[in-house]
Amino acid sequence: MGMAQSGAQGGGKRRRARRSGAINEINMTPFIDVVLVLLIVFMVAAPMMTVGVPLDLPQSKASPLNSDTKPVTLSIRQTGQVFLGEDELTDDTIVPKLTDTAKSGFEERVFVRGDKRVDYGRVAQVMAIVTGGGFKKVALVTEPDQK
């Protein structure tokens, strides 16, 4: 009798709950982790990705300029070659290329980066070409003094 009772109550079979289809939710945690890691990597690497020609800039005790917008930068190598970004320019093409690149026209800030071993006369010549072309805000770029 004891067996009949237990069989009648439970039926001897267990029923399993059936899943109705696939889970349609995306687990966002791994995605957020990957995005945060990429954000940190790009934040660390961004200052190292300076576009332009590598130069050995002279050092000075001048304080850095605060600027909201990215200025147009001309680079002068030790050999006297002039570059806008990574494009080499001749003296005749400096002003037309600056005019094409400048978003604010002749009020655009132009930085001149000259290698510390370049002839001072060449730097002055490039600055004269830029200011003679109508650009008013021309500045020299140096590295902060390490002392």
C-alpha atoms as a PDB file:
ATOM      1  CA  MET A   1       0.000   0.000   0.000  1.00  0.00           C
ATOM      2  CA  GLY A   2       2.804   2.327   0.733  1.00  0.00           C
ATOM      3  CA  MET A   3       3.979   2.009  -2.820  1.00  0.00           C
ATOM      4  CA  ALA A   4       0.658   2.694  -4.321  1.00  0.00           C
ATOM      5  CA  GLN A   5       0.361   5.890  -2.430  1.00  0.00           C
ATOM      6  CA  SER A   6       3.730   7.267  -3.460  1.00  0.00           C
ATOM      7  CA  GLY A   7       3.059   6.320  -7.073  1.00  0.00           C
ATOM      8  CA  ALA A   8      -0.300   8.023  -7.047  1.00  0.00           C
ATOM      9  CA  GLN A   9       1.048  11.234  -5.613  1.00  0.00           C
ATOM     10  CA  GLY A  10       4.148  11.762  -7.688  1.00  0.00           C
ATOM     11  CA  GLY A  11       3.280   9.570 -10.593  1.00  0.00           C
ATOM     12  CA  GLY A  12       6.870   8.260 -10.651  1.00  0.00           C
ATOM     13  CA  LYS A  13       7.804  10.602 -13.493  1.00  0.00           C
ATOM     14  CA  ARG A  14       9.368  13.987 -13.190  1.00  0.00           C
ATOM     15  CA  ARG A  15       8.433  16.680 -15.563  1.00  0.00           C
ATOM     16  CA  ARG A  16      11.010  19.094 -16.858  1.00  0.00           C
ATOM     17  CA  ALA A  17      10.223  22.662 -17.693  1.00  0.00           C
ATOM     18  CA  ARG A  18      10.477  23.259 -21.402  1.00  0.00           C
ATOM     19  CA  ARG A  19      12.346  26.239 -22.779  1.00  0.00           C
ATOM     20  CA  SER A  20      10.367  28.147 -25.286  1.00  0.00           C
ATOM     21  CA  GLY A  21      12.948  29.174 -27.931  1.00  0.00           C
ATOM     22  CA  ALA A  22      16.360  30.807 -27.710  1.00  0.00           C
ATOM     23  CA  ILE A  23      17.263  33.545 -25.283  1.00  0.00           C
ATOM     24  CA  ASN A  24      16.818  36.798 -27.126  1.00  0.00           C
ATOM     25  CA  GLU A  25      18.796  39.056 -24.774  1.00  0.00           C
ATOM     26  CA  ILE A  26      22.372  40.140 -25.487  1.00  0.00           C
ATOM     27  CA  ASN A  27      24.814  40.041 -22.617  1.00  0.00           C
ATOM     28  CA  MET A  28      26.224  43.595 -22.665  1.00  0.00           C
ATOM     29  CA  THR A  29      28.916  43.116 -20.007  1.00  0.00           C
ATOM     30  CA  PRO A  30      31.666  41.748 -22.316  1.00  0.00           C
ATOM     31  CA  PHE A  31      30.853  44.414 -24.897  1.00  0.00           C
ATOM     32  CA  ILE A  32      31.143  47.214 -22.325  1.00  0.00           C
ATOM     33  CA  ASP A  33      34.422  45.751 -21.030  1.00  0.00           C
ATOM     34  CA  VAL A  34      35.926  45.722 -24.516  1.00  0.00           C
ATOM     35  CA  VAL A  35      34.772  49.278 -25.234  1.00  0.00           C
ATOM     36  CA  LEU A  36      36.261  50.556 -21.970  1.00  0.00           C
ATOM     37  CA  VAL A  37      39.593  48.835 -22.671  1.00  0.00           C
ATOM     38  CA  LEU A  38      39.678  50.353 -26.175  1.00  0.00           C
ATOM     39  CA  LEU A  39      38.831  53.780 -24.747  1.00  0.00           C
ATOM     40  CA  ILE A  40      41.733  53.566 -22.299  1.00  0.00           C
ATOM     41  CA  VAL A  41      44.130  52.371 -25.012  1.00  0.00           C
ATOM     42  CA  PHE A  42      43.207  55.241 -27.331  1.00  0.00           C
ATOM     43  CA  MET A  43      43.378  57.814 -24.526  1.00  0.00           C
ATOM     44  CA  VAL A  44      46.920  56.676 -23.713  1.00  0.00           C
ATOM     45  CA  ALA A  45      48.023  56.404 -27.356  1.00  0.00           C
ATOM     46  CA  ALA A  46      46.465  59.643 -28.671  1.00  0.00           C
ATOM     47  CA  PRO A  47      49.143  62.033 -27.381  1.00  0.00           C
ATOM     48  CA  MET A  48      51.810  59.854 -28.977  1.00  0.00           C
ATOM     49  CA  MET A  49      50.239  60.056 -32.420  1.00  0.00           C
ATOM     50  CA  THR A  50      51.498  63.444 -33.539  1.00  0.00           C
ATOM     51  CA  VAL A  51      51.063  63.936 -37.227  1.00  0.00           C
ATOM     52  CA  GLY A  52      53.980  65.484 -38.994  1.00  0.00           C
ATOM     53  CA  VAL A  53      57.653  65.260 -39.548  1.00  0.00           C
ATOM     54  CA  PRO A  54      59.830  64.190 -36.605  1.00  0.00           C
ATOM     55  CA  LEU A  55      62.028  67.123 -35.543  1.00  0.00           C
ATOM     56  CA  ASP A  56      64.457  67.899 -32.768  1.00  0.00           C
ATOM     57  CA  LEU A  57      62.891  71.127 -31.517  1.00  0.00           C
ATOM     58  CA  PRO A  58      64.861  73.729 -29.562  1.00  0.00           C
ATOM     59  CA  GLN A  59      64.052  74.214 -25.882  1.00  0.00           C
ATOM     60  CA  SER A  60      62.834  77.415 -24.256  1.00  0.00           C
ATOM     61  CA  LYS A  61      61.372  78.631 -20.972  1.00  0.00           C
ATOM     62  CA  ALA A  62      58.279  80.075 -22.663  1.00  0.00           C
ATOM     63  CA  SER A  63      54.950  78.943 -21.260  1.00  0.00           C
ATOM     64  CA  PRO A  64      52.664  76.895 -23.523  1.00  0.00           C
ATOM     65  CA  LEU A  65      49.828  78.628 -25.368  1.00  0.00           C
ATOM     66  CA  ASN A  66      46.271  77.619 -24.572  1.00  0.00           C
ATOM     67  CA  SER A  67      44.388  76.956 -27.767  1.00  0.00           C
ATOM     68  CA  ASP A  68      40.927  75.471 -28.285  1.00  0.00           C
ATOM     69  CA  THR A  69      41.396  74.662 -31.952  1.00  0.00           C
ATOM     70  CA  LYS A  70      44.181  72.707 -33.575  1.00  0.00           C
ATOM     71  CA  PRO A  71      46.482  75.107 -35.430  1.00  0.00           C
ATOM     72  CA  VAL A  72      47.963  74.589 -38.874  1.00  0.00           C
ATOM     73  CA  THR A  73      51.573  73.462 -38.443  1.00  0.00           C
ATOM     74  CA  LEU A  74      54.495  73.948 -40.811  1.00  0.00           C
ATOM     75  CA  SER A  75      57.611  71.873 -40.101  1.00  0.00           C
ATOM     76  CA  ILE A  76      61.110  72.736 -41.301  1.00  0.00           C
ATOM     77  CA  ARG A  77      63.682  69.948 -41.352  1.00  0.00           C
ATOM     78  CA  GLN A  78      67.389  70.378 -40.769  1.00  0.00           C
ATOM     79  CA  THR A  79      67.908  70.308 -44.545  1.00  0.00           C
ATOM     80  CA  GLY A  80      65.512  73.257 -45.022  1.00  0.00           C
ATOM     81  CA  GLN A  81      62.608  71.211 -46.463  1.00  0.00           C
ATOM     82  CA  VAL A  82      59.173  72.558 -45.488  1.00  0.00           C
ATOM     83  CA  PHE A  83      56.273  70.232 -44.656  1.00  0.00           C
ATOM     84  CA  LEU A  84      52.567  70.779 -44.023  1.00  0.00           C
ATOM     85  CA  GLY A  85      51.603  67.676 -42.080  1.00  0.00           C
ATOM     86  CA  GLU A  86      53.517  65.022 -43.996  1.00  0.00           C
ATOM     87  CA  ASP A  87      53.332  66.745 -47.406  1.00  0.00           C
ATOM     88  CA  GLU A  88      56.525  68.423 -48.609  1.00  0.00           C
ATOM     89  CA  LEU A  89      56.035  71.947 -49.944  1.00  0.00           C
ATOM     90  CA  THR A  90      58.114  74.255 -52.092  1.00  0.00           C
ATOM     91  CA  ASP A  91      58.360  77.954 -51.260  1.00  0.00           C
ATOM     92  CA  ASP A  92      55.853  78.748 -54.030  1.00  0.00           C
ATOM     93  CA  THR A  93      53.211  76.337 -52.717  1.00  0.00           C
ATOM     94  CA  ILE A  94      53.345  77.253 -48.995  1.00  0.00           C
ATOM     95  CA  VAL A  95      50.751  80.056 -49.088  1.00  0.00           C
ATOM     96  CA  PRO A  96      48.257  78.290 -51.441  1.00  0.00           C
ATOM     97  CA  LYS A  97      48.364  75.101 -49.326  1.00  0.00           C
ATOM     98  CA  LEU A  98      47.944  77.093 -46.101  1.00  0.00           C
ATOM     99  CA  THR A  99      44.991  78.946 -47.612  1.00  0.00           C
ATOM    100  CA  ASP A 100      43.374  75.632 -48.593  1.00  0.00           C
ATOM    101  CA  THR A 101      43.996  74.125 -45.150  1.00  0.00           C
ATOM    102  CA  ALA A 102      43.050  77.139 -43.006  1.00  0.00           C
ATOM    103  CA  LYS A 103      39.437  76.930 -41.853  1.00  0.00           C
ATOM    104  CA  SER A 104      39.321  80.505 -40.517  1.00  0.00           C
ATOM    105  CA  GLY A 105      41.050  82.085 -43.484  1.00  0.00           C
ATOM    106  CA  PHE A 106      43.892  84.479 -42.770  1.00  0.00           C
ATOM    107  CA  GLU A 107      42.945  84.582 -39.063  1.00  0.00           C
ATOM    108  CA  GLU A 108      44.045  80.942 -38.707  1.00  0.00           C
ATOM    109  CA  ARG A 109      46.882  80.338 -36.240  1.00  0.00           C
ATOM    110  CA  VAL A 110      49.982  78.970 -38.002  1.00  0.00           C
ATOM    111  CA  PHE A 111      52.704  77.241 -35.990  1.00  0.00           C
ATOM    112  CA  VAL A 112      56.197  76.947 -37.442  1.00  0.00           C
ATOM    113  CA  ARG A 113      58.214  74.022 -36.101  1.00  0.00           C
ATOM    114  CA  GLY A 114      61.887  74.324 -36.989  1.00  0.00           C
ATOM    115  CA  ASP A 115      64.530  71.718 -36.205  1.00  0.00           C
ATOM    116  CA  LYS A 116      67.091  73.199 -33.814  1.00  0.00           C
ATOM    117  CA  ARG A 117      69.864  72.536 -36.348  1.00  0.00           C
ATOM    118  CA  VAL A 118      68.114  74.322 -39.240  1.00  0.00           C
ATOM    119  CA  ASP A 119      69.580  77.612 -40.404  1.00  0.00           C
ATOM    120  CA  TYR A 120      67.889  80.547 -38.660  1.00  0.00           C
ATOM    121  CA  GLY A 121      67.702  82.375 -41.982  1.00  0.00           C
ATOM    122  CA  ARG A 122      65.600  79.553 -43.436  1.00  0.00           C
ATOM    123  CA  VAL A 123      63.119  79.768 -40.527  1.00  0.00           C
ATOM    124  CA  ALA A 124      62.895  83.549 -40.979  1.00  0.00           C
ATOM    125  CA  GLN A 125      62.405  83.074 -44.728  1.00  0.00           C
ATOM    126  CA  VAL A 126      59.491  80.642 -44.224  1.00  0.00           C
ATOM    127  CA  MET A 127      57.894  82.944 -41.647  1.00  0.00           C
ATOM    128  CA  ALA A 128      58.237  85.863 -44.081  1.00  0.00           C
ATOM    129  CA  ILE A 129      56.520  83.812 -46.804  1.00  0.00           C
ATOM    130  CA  VAL A 130      53.642  82.968 -44.436  1.00  0.00           C
ATOM    131  CA  THR A 131      53.152  86.502 -43.129  1.00  0.00           C
ATOM    132  CA  GLY A 132      53.610  87.935 -46.618  1.00  0.00           C
ATOM    133  CA  GLY A 133      50.788  85.645 -47.742  1.00  0.00           C
ATOM    134  CA  GLY A 134      48.410  87.407 -45.347  1.00  0.00           C
ATOM    135  CA  PHE A 135      48.471  85.201 -42.241  1.00  0.00           C
ATOM    136  CA  LYS A 136      48.648  87.322 -39.083  1.00  0.00           C
ATOM    137  CA  LYS A 137      48.972  84.750 -36.294  1.00  0.00           C
ATOM    138  CA  VAL A 138      52.310  83.025 -36.870  1.00  0.00           C
ATOM    139  CA  ALA A 139      54.219  81.489 -33.945  1.00  0.00           C
ATOM    140  CA  LEU A 140      57.344  79.407 -33.391  1.00  0.00           C
ATOM    141  CA  VAL A 141      57.071  76.062 -31.607  1.00  0.00           C
ATOM    142  CA  THR A 142      59.679  74.972 -29.048  1.00  0.00           C
ATOM    143  CA  GLU A 143      59.933  72.273 -26.413  1.00  0.00           C
ATOM    144  CA  PRO A 144      59.755  73.206 -22.713  1.00  0.00           C
ATOM    145  CA  ASP A 145      63.164  73.563 -21.036  1.00  0.00           C
ATOM    146  CA  GLN A 146      64.096  70.364 -19.160  1.00  0.00           C
ATOM    147  CA  LYS A 147      65.985  72.221 -16.383  1.00  0.00           C
END
